[in-house]
């Protein structure tokens, strides 16, 4: 982890402007083409949810601004951020958090994710490790092909962990699309970074053989 210091005056003003707002988060929802990705997973009998979590997390880790966090009005950058995603449980009709250490090796990550998902069925968790912000909060909403999403969160003290959700797949013009919503702190993440993220995510979905 390292400290980020804004030496560019305009970038510093951008940070201070949005960091001073009561609701400083930016939300963008877009559809991602996953036609080849889903076909690839099914042909190789790979688990769909952990595989989606993997490409979402890998895309986020590739963009420094998604790894930045605000602590006491200062910015730090994590070397790696780790997904904490929602999974159903056998204990209740509400979800459990499932945290998995991110690993660049897809098969290693999928194995770890499957193990954690199974553990959450009977021992659900609703707590994050105190003082830790190297997370990426993810959630699946497979019942709805949503067109927008707003997350519950604390605004004060500052919460700068990005939220990324994906929804129900749908067919359009012969392609399989997946709605993806991103919510991030605008003092850290701008529209350009969001655009880069969606481009990376779709590239990974369109070329699964390069990642799995």
C-alpha atoms as a PDB file:
ATOM      1  CA  UNK A   1       0.000   0.000   0.000  1.00  0.00           C
ATOM      2  CA  UNK A   2       1.275   3.474  -0.839  1.00  0.00           C
ATOM      3  CA  UNK A   3       0.144   7.049  -0.274  1.00  0.00           C
ATOM      4  CA  UNK A   4      -1.094   9.035  -3.280  1.00  0.00           C
ATOM      5  CA  UNK A   5      -0.236  12.736  -3.416  1.00  0.00           C
ATOM      6  CA  UNK A   6      -1.884  14.872  -6.073  1.00  0.00           C
ATOM      7  CA  UNK A   7       0.798  17.143  -7.523  1.00  0.00           C
ATOM      8  CA  UNK A   8      -1.384  18.410 -10.363  1.00  0.00           C
ATOM      9  CA  UNK A   9      -3.361  21.440  -9.059  1.00  0.00           C
ATOM     10  CA  UNK A  10      -6.483  20.641 -11.083  1.00  0.00           C
ATOM     11  CA  UNK A  11      -6.523  16.990  -9.948  1.00  0.00           C
ATOM     12  CA  UNK A  12      -6.136  18.155  -6.359  1.00  0.00           C
ATOM     13  CA  UNK A  13      -9.089  20.555  -6.750  1.00  0.00           C
ATOM     14  CA  UNK A  14     -11.155  17.751  -8.323  1.00  0.00           C
ATOM     15  CA  UNK A  15     -10.489  15.542  -5.295  1.00  0.00           C
ATOM     16  CA  UNK A  16     -11.299  18.280  -2.787  1.00  0.00           C
ATOM     17  CA  UNK A  17     -14.476  19.325  -4.652  1.00  0.00           C
ATOM     18  CA  UNK A  18     -16.094  15.888  -4.665  1.00  0.00           C
ATOM     19  CA  UNK A  19     -14.651  14.778  -1.333  1.00  0.00           C
ATOM     20  CA  UNK A  20     -16.469  17.658   0.335  1.00  0.00           C
ATOM     21  CA  UNK A  21     -19.900  16.604  -0.919  1.00  0.00           C
ATOM     22  CA  UNK A  22     -22.541  14.894   1.212  1.00  0.00           C
ATOM     23  CA  UNK A  23     -23.231  12.336  -1.522  1.00  0.00           C
ATOM     24  CA  UNK A  24     -19.957  12.041  -3.462  1.00  0.00           C
ATOM     25  CA  UNK A  25     -20.637   8.834  -5.377  1.00  0.00           C
ATOM     26  CA  UNK A  26     -20.895   8.312  -9.120  1.00  0.00           C
ATOM     27  CA  UNK A  27     -23.140   5.590 -10.573  1.00  0.00           C
ATOM     28  CA  UNK A  28     -23.094   4.190 -14.103  1.00  0.00           C
ATOM     29  CA  UNK A  29     -25.017   1.189 -15.464  1.00  0.00           C
ATOM     30  CA  UNK A  30     -24.305  -0.410 -18.846  1.00  0.00           C
ATOM     31  CA  UNK A  31     -24.864  -3.713 -20.630  1.00  0.00           C
ATOM     32  CA  UNK A  32     -21.859  -5.968 -21.225  1.00  0.00           C
ATOM     33  CA  UNK A  33     -21.744  -8.541 -24.024  1.00  0.00           C
ATOM     34  CA  UNK A  34     -21.075 -11.936 -22.417  1.00  0.00           C
ATOM     35  CA  UNK A  35     -22.170 -14.229 -25.282  1.00  0.00           C
ATOM     36  CA  UNK A  36     -18.821 -15.938 -25.804  1.00  0.00           C
ATOM     37  CA  UNK A  37     -18.030 -15.891 -22.107  1.00  0.00           C
ATOM     38  CA  UNK A  38     -21.095 -17.855 -21.034  1.00  0.00           C
ATOM     39  CA  UNK A  39     -20.659 -20.339 -23.890  1.00  0.00           C
ATOM     40  CA  UNK A  40     -17.024 -20.835 -22.881  1.00  0.00           C
ATOM     41  CA  UNK A  41     -17.904 -21.478 -19.223  1.00  0.00           C
ATOM     42  CA  UNK A  42     -20.670 -23.938 -20.064  1.00  0.00           C
ATOM     43  CA  UNK A  43     -18.480 -25.873 -22.508  1.00  0.00           C
ATOM     44  CA  UNK A  44     -15.832 -26.324 -19.807  1.00  0.00           C
ATOM     45  CA  UNK A  45     -18.277 -26.737 -16.900  1.00  0.00           C
ATOM     46  CA  UNK A  46     -16.813 -23.767 -15.045  1.00  0.00           C
ATOM     47  CA  UNK A  47     -18.948 -22.118 -12.325  1.00  0.00           C
ATOM     48  CA  UNK A  48     -20.686 -19.000 -13.601  1.00  0.00           C
ATOM     49  CA  UNK A  49     -20.861 -16.809 -10.478  1.00  0.00           C
ATOM     50  CA  UNK A  50     -17.205 -17.221  -9.374  1.00  0.00           C
ATOM     51  CA  UNK A  51     -16.115 -16.706 -12.986  1.00  0.00           C
ATOM     52  CA  UNK A  52     -18.064 -13.438 -13.195  1.00  0.00           C
ATOM     53  CA  UNK A  53     -16.563 -12.361  -9.875  1.00  0.00           C
ATOM     54  CA  UNK A  54     -13.120 -13.160 -11.271  1.00  0.00           C
ATOM     55  CA  UNK A  55     -13.353 -10.997 -14.409  1.00  0.00           C
ATOM     56  CA  UNK A  56     -15.044  -8.171 -12.489  1.00  0.00           C
ATOM     57  CA  UNK A  57     -12.254  -8.236  -9.900  1.00  0.00           C
ATOM     58  CA  UNK A  58      -9.460  -8.590 -12.445  1.00  0.00           C
ATOM     59  CA  UNK A  59     -10.770  -5.590 -14.384  1.00  0.00           C
ATOM     60  CA  UNK A  60     -10.944  -3.482 -11.199  1.00  0.00           C
ATOM     61  CA  UNK A  61      -7.439  -4.464 -10.141  1.00  0.00           C
ATOM     62  CA  UNK A  62      -6.107  -3.333 -13.515  1.00  0.00           C
ATOM     63  CA  UNK A  63      -7.204   0.286 -12.888  1.00  0.00           C
ATOM     64  CA  UNK A  64      -5.277   2.116 -10.121  1.00  0.00           C
ATOM     65  CA  UNK A  65      -8.189   4.449  -9.274  1.00  0.00           C
ATOM     66  CA  UNK A  66     -10.337   1.433  -8.359  1.00  0.00           C
ATOM     67  CA  UNK A  67      -7.649   0.476  -5.844  1.00  0.00           C
ATOM     68  CA  UNK A  68      -7.515   3.930  -4.233  1.00  0.00           C
ATOM     69  CA  UNK A  69      -9.143   4.522  -0.861  1.00  0.00           C
ATOM     70  CA  UNK A  70      -9.704   7.628   1.246  1.00  0.00           C
ATOM     71  CA  UNK A  71      -8.445   7.568   4.821  1.00  0.00           C
ATOM     72  CA  UNK A  72      -8.706  10.736   6.934  1.00  0.00           C
ATOM     73  CA  UNK A  73      -8.880  12.860   3.767  1.00  0.00           C
ATOM     74  CA  UNK A  74      -5.739  11.240   2.391  1.00  0.00           C
ATOM     75  CA  UNK A  75      -5.579   8.769  -0.488  1.00  0.00           C
ATOM     76  CA  UNK A  76      -3.850   5.396  -0.369  1.00  0.00           C
ATOM     77  CA  UNK A  77      -3.431   2.816  -3.114  1.00  0.00           C
ATOM     78  CA  UNK A  78      -3.684  -0.915  -2.429  1.00  0.00           C
ATOM     79  CA  UNK A  79      -1.533  -3.272  -4.461  1.00  0.00           C
ATOM     80  CA  UNK A  80      -4.477  -5.690  -4.739  1.00  0.00           C
ATOM     81  CA  UNK A  81      -8.163  -5.465  -3.879  1.00  0.00           C
ATOM     82  CA  UNK A  82     -10.236  -8.510  -2.993  1.00  0.00           C
ATOM     83  CA  UNK A  83     -13.885  -9.276  -3.824  1.00  0.00           C
ATOM     84  CA  UNK A  84     -16.508  -9.549  -1.114  1.00  0.00           C
ATOM     85  CA  UNK A  85     -19.625 -10.695  -2.932  1.00  0.00           C
ATOM     86  CA  UNK A  86     -23.162 -11.716  -2.053  1.00  0.00           C
ATOM     87  CA  UNK A  87     -24.246 -15.358  -2.098  1.00  0.00           C
ATOM     88  CA  UNK A  88     -27.514 -17.078  -1.069  1.00  0.00           C
ATOM     89  CA  UNK A  89     -27.515 -19.158   2.099  1.00  0.00           C
ATOM     90  CA  UNK A  90     -29.383 -22.137   3.483  1.00  0.00           C
ATOM     91  CA  UNK A  91     -29.950 -20.276   6.758  1.00  0.00           C
ATOM     92  CA  UNK A  92     -32.216 -17.446   5.610  1.00  0.00           C
ATOM     93  CA  UNK A  93     -33.845 -15.747   2.644  1.00  0.00           C
ATOM     94  CA  UNK A  94     -31.230 -12.964   2.691  1.00  0.00           C
ATOM     95  CA  UNK A  95     -27.666 -13.078   1.425  1.00  0.00           C
ATOM     96  CA  UNK A  96     -24.298 -13.626   3.048  1.00  0.00           C
ATOM     97  CA  UNK A  97     -21.073 -11.833   2.236  1.00  0.00           C
ATOM     98  CA  UNK A  98     -18.416 -14.110   0.764  1.00  0.00           C
ATOM     99  CA  UNK A  99     -14.871 -12.749   0.765  1.00  0.00           C
ATOM    100  CA  UNK A 100     -12.202 -14.402  -1.368  1.00  0.00           C
ATOM    101  CA  UNK A 101      -8.584 -13.328  -1.713  1.00  0.00           C
ATOM    102  CA  UNK A 102      -8.029 -12.313  -5.328  1.00  0.00           C
ATOM    103  CA  UNK A 103      -5.577 -14.441  -7.298  1.00  0.00           C
ATOM    104  CA  UNK A 104      -4.534 -13.654 -10.869  1.00  0.00           C
ATOM    105  CA  UNK A 105      -4.613 -17.360 -11.651  1.00  0.00           C
ATOM    106  CA  UNK A 106      -8.253 -17.972 -12.560  1.00  0.00           C
ATOM    107  CA  UNK A 107      -8.423 -21.644 -11.634  1.00  0.00           C
ATOM    108  CA  UNK A 108      -6.861 -21.006  -8.209  1.00  0.00           C
ATOM    109  CA  UNK A 109      -9.354 -18.226  -7.593  1.00  0.00           C
ATOM    110  CA  UNK A 110     -12.333 -20.321  -8.726  1.00  0.00           C
ATOM    111  CA  UNK A 111     -11.354 -23.173  -6.400  1.00  0.00           C
ATOM    112  CA  UNK A 112     -11.081 -20.791  -3.435  1.00  0.00           C
ATOM    113  CA  UNK A 113     -14.368 -19.105  -4.305  1.00  0.00           C
ATOM    114  CA  UNK A 114     -16.236 -22.402  -4.557  1.00  0.00           C
ATOM    115  CA  UNK A 115     -14.933 -23.456  -1.149  1.00  0.00           C
ATOM    116  CA  UNK A 116     -15.991 -20.157   0.447  1.00  0.00           C
ATOM    117  CA  UNK A 117     -19.418 -20.200  -1.191  1.00  0.00           C
ATOM    118  CA  UNK A 118     -20.097 -23.662   0.195  1.00  0.00           C
ATOM    119  CA  UNK A 119     -18.960 -22.574   3.670  1.00  0.00           C
ATOM    120  CA  UNK A 120     -21.346 -19.603   3.624  1.00  0.00           C
ATOM    121  CA  UNK A 121     -24.357 -21.878   3.109  1.00  0.00           C
ATOM    122  CA  UNK A 122     -24.421 -22.904   6.758  1.00  0.00           C
ATOM    123  CA  UNK A 123     -22.162 -20.273   8.350  1.00  0.00           C
ATOM    124  CA  UNK A 124     -23.188 -16.970   6.735  1.00  0.00           C
ATOM    125  CA  UNK A 125     -21.220 -13.812   7.463  1.00  0.00           C
ATOM    126  CA  UNK A 126     -22.386 -10.216   7.530  1.00  0.00           C
ATOM    127  CA  UNK A 127     -19.230  -8.578   8.806  1.00  0.00           C
ATOM    128  CA  UNK A 128     -16.097  -7.233   7.152  1.00  0.00           C
ATOM    129  CA  UNK A 129     -12.747  -7.235   8.888  1.00  0.00           C
ATOM    130  CA  UNK A 130     -12.475  -4.078  11.007  1.00  0.00           C
ATOM    131  CA  UNK A 131     -10.124  -1.429   9.645  1.00  0.00           C
ATOM    132  CA  UNK A 132      -9.788  -3.110   6.272  1.00  0.00           C
ATOM    133  CA  UNK A 133     -10.745  -1.311   3.060  1.00  0.00           C
ATOM    134  CA  UNK A 134      -8.939  -3.350   0.385  1.00  0.00           C
ATOM    135  CA  UNK A 135     -12.282  -4.817  -0.630  1.00  0.00           C
ATOM    136  CA  UNK A 136     -14.346  -4.655  -3.782  1.00  0.00           C
ATOM    137  CA  UNK A 137     -18.021  -5.001  -2.837  1.00  0.00           C
ATOM    138  CA  UNK A 138     -19.948  -7.063  -5.384  1.00  0.00           C
ATOM    139  CA  UNK A 139     -23.529  -8.251  -5.601  1.00  0.00           C
ATOM    140  CA  UNK A 140     -25.542 -10.412  -7.957  1.00  0.00           C
ATOM    141  CA  UNK A 141     -29.171  -9.524  -8.704  1.00  0.00           C
ATOM    142  CA  UNK A 142     -30.066 -12.392 -11.055  1.00  0.00           C
ATOM    143  CA  UNK A 143     -33.823 -11.746 -10.943  1.00  0.00           C
ATOM    144  CA  UNK A 144     -33.793  -8.388 -12.733  1.00  0.00           C
ATOM    145  CA  UNK A 145     -32.188  -6.978 -15.884  1.00  0.00           C
ATOM    146  CA  UNK A 146     -31.871  -3.641 -14.135  1.00  0.00           C
ATOM    147  CA  UNK A 147     -31.132  -0.317 -15.810  1.00  0.00           C
ATOM    148  CA  UNK A 148     -29.926   1.494 -12.690  1.00  0.00           C
ATOM    149  CA  UNK A 149     -28.986   0.766  -9.085  1.00  0.00           C
ATOM    150  CA  UNK A 150     -28.302   2.651  -5.848  1.00  0.00           C
ATOM    151  CA  UNK A 151     -26.451   0.980  -2.973  1.00  0.00           C
ATOM    152  CA  UNK A 152     -26.965   1.446   0.751  1.00  0.00           C
ATOM    153  CA  UNK A 153     -23.813   2.783   2.369  1.00  0.00           C
ATOM    154  CA  UNK A 154     -22.306   5.121   4.952  1.00  0.00           C
ATOM    155  CA  UNK A 155     -21.365   8.537   3.583  1.00  0.00           C
ATOM    156  CA  UNK A 156     -19.849   9.776   6.837  1.00  0.00           C
ATOM    157  CA  UNK A 157     -17.284   8.653   7.724  1.00  0.00           C
ATOM    158  CA  UNK A 158     -16.130   8.292   4.140  1.00  0.00           C
ATOM    159  CA  UNK A 159     -16.708   4.967   2.398  1.00  0.00           C
ATOM    160  CA  UNK A 160     -14.628   4.794  -0.771  1.00  0.00           C
ATOM    161  CA  UNK A 161     -14.928   1.077  -1.586  1.00  0.00           C
ATOM    162  CA  UNK A 162     -16.423   0.639  -5.086  1.00  0.00           C
ATOM    163  CA  UNK A 163     -19.670  -1.326  -5.466  1.00  0.00           C
ATOM    164  CA  UNK A 164     -20.221  -3.385  -8.607  1.00  0.00           C
ATOM    165  CA  UNK A 165     -23.402  -5.370  -9.307  1.00  0.00           C
ATOM    166  CA  UNK A 166     -24.566  -7.547 -12.161  1.00  0.00           C
ATOM    167  CA  UNK A 167     -28.089  -8.523 -13.103  1.00  0.00           C
ATOM    168  CA  UNK A 168     -30.149 -11.010 -15.074  1.00  0.00           C
ATOM    169  CA  UNK A 169     -28.767 -11.916 -18.501  1.00  0.00           C
ATOM    170  CA  UNK A 170     -30.971 -11.140 -21.492  1.00  0.00           C
ATOM    171  CA  UNK A 171     -30.922 -11.691 -25.244  1.00  0.00           C
ATOM    172  CA  UNK A 172     -30.775  -8.827 -27.716  1.00  0.00           C
ATOM    173  CA  UNK A 173     -30.030  -9.063 -31.448  1.00  0.00           C
ATOM    174  CA  UNK A 174     -28.658 -12.567 -31.022  1.00  0.00           C
ATOM    175  CA  UNK A 175     -26.265 -11.597 -28.219  1.00  0.00           C
ATOM    176  CA  UNK A 176     -26.330 -12.347 -24.485  1.00  0.00           C
ATOM    177  CA  UNK A 177     -26.035  -9.155 -22.437  1.00  0.00           C
ATOM    178  CA  UNK A 178     -25.500  -8.631 -18.724  1.00  0.00           C
ATOM    179  CA  UNK A 179     -26.353  -5.354 -16.960  1.00  0.00           C
ATOM    180  CA  UNK A 180     -23.491  -4.116 -14.788  1.00  0.00           C
ATOM    181  CA  UNK A 181     -23.738  -1.210 -12.337  1.00  0.00           C
ATOM    182  CA  UNK A 182     -20.733   0.546 -10.837  1.00  0.00           C
ATOM    183  CA  UNK A 183     -20.837   2.925  -7.885  1.00  0.00           C
ATOM    184  CA  UNK A 184     -17.587   4.615  -6.843  1.00  0.00           C
ATOM    185  CA  UNK A 185     -16.395   7.683  -4.964  1.00  0.00           C
ATOM    186  CA  UNK A 186     -16.226  10.530  -7.490  1.00  0.00           C
ATOM    187  CA  UNK A 187     -13.210  12.138  -5.796  1.00  0.00           C
ATOM    188  CA  UNK A 188     -11.240   9.054  -6.854  1.00  0.00           C
ATOM    189  CA  UNK A 189     -13.016   7.622  -9.888  1.00  0.00           C
ATOM    190  CA  UNK A 190     -14.133   9.747 -12.844  1.00  0.00           C
ATOM    191  CA  UNK A 191     -16.212   8.934 -15.924  1.00  0.00           C
ATOM    192  CA  UNK A 192     -13.100   8.117 -17.952  1.00  0.00           C
ATOM    193  CA  UNK A 193     -12.066   5.487 -15.401  1.00  0.00           C
ATOM    194  CA  UNK A 194     -15.572   4.015 -15.508  1.00  0.00           C
ATOM    195  CA  UNK A 195     -15.383   3.851 -19.290  1.00  0.00           C
ATOM    196  CA  UNK A 196     -12.008   2.111 -19.124  1.00  0.00           C
ATOM    197  CA  UNK A 197     -13.447  -0.378 -16.665  1.00  0.00           C
ATOM    198  CA  UNK A 198     -16.398  -1.315 -18.885  1.00  0.00           C
ATOM    199  CA  UNK A 199     -14.066  -1.681 -21.874  1.00  0.00           C
ATOM    200  CA  UNK A 200     -11.735  -4.013 -19.954  1.00  0.00           C
ATOM    201  CA  UNK A 201     -14.603  -6.077 -18.578  1.00  0.00           C
ATOM    202  CA  UNK A 202     -16.162  -6.607 -21.991  1.00  0.00           C
ATOM    203  CA  UNK A 203     -12.784  -7.460 -23.535  1.00  0.00           C
ATOM    204  CA  UNK A 204     -12.306 -10.164 -20.891  1.00  0.00           C
ATOM    205  CA  UNK A 205     -15.805 -11.494 -21.518  1.00  0.00           C
ATOM    206  CA  UNK A 206     -15.247 -11.560 -25.274  1.00  0.00           C
ATOM    207  CA  UNK A 207     -11.868 -13.318 -24.934  1.00  0.00           C
ATOM    208  CA  UNK A 208     -12.298 -15.816 -22.078  1.00  0.00           C
ATOM    209  CA  UNK A 209      -9.542 -18.103 -23.345  1.00  0.00           C
ATOM    210  CA  UNK A 210      -6.955 -15.464 -22.396  1.00  0.00           C
ATOM    211  CA  UNK A 211      -8.088 -15.487 -18.752  1.00  0.00           C
ATOM    212  CA  UNK A 212      -9.147 -19.064 -17.955  1.00  0.00           C
END
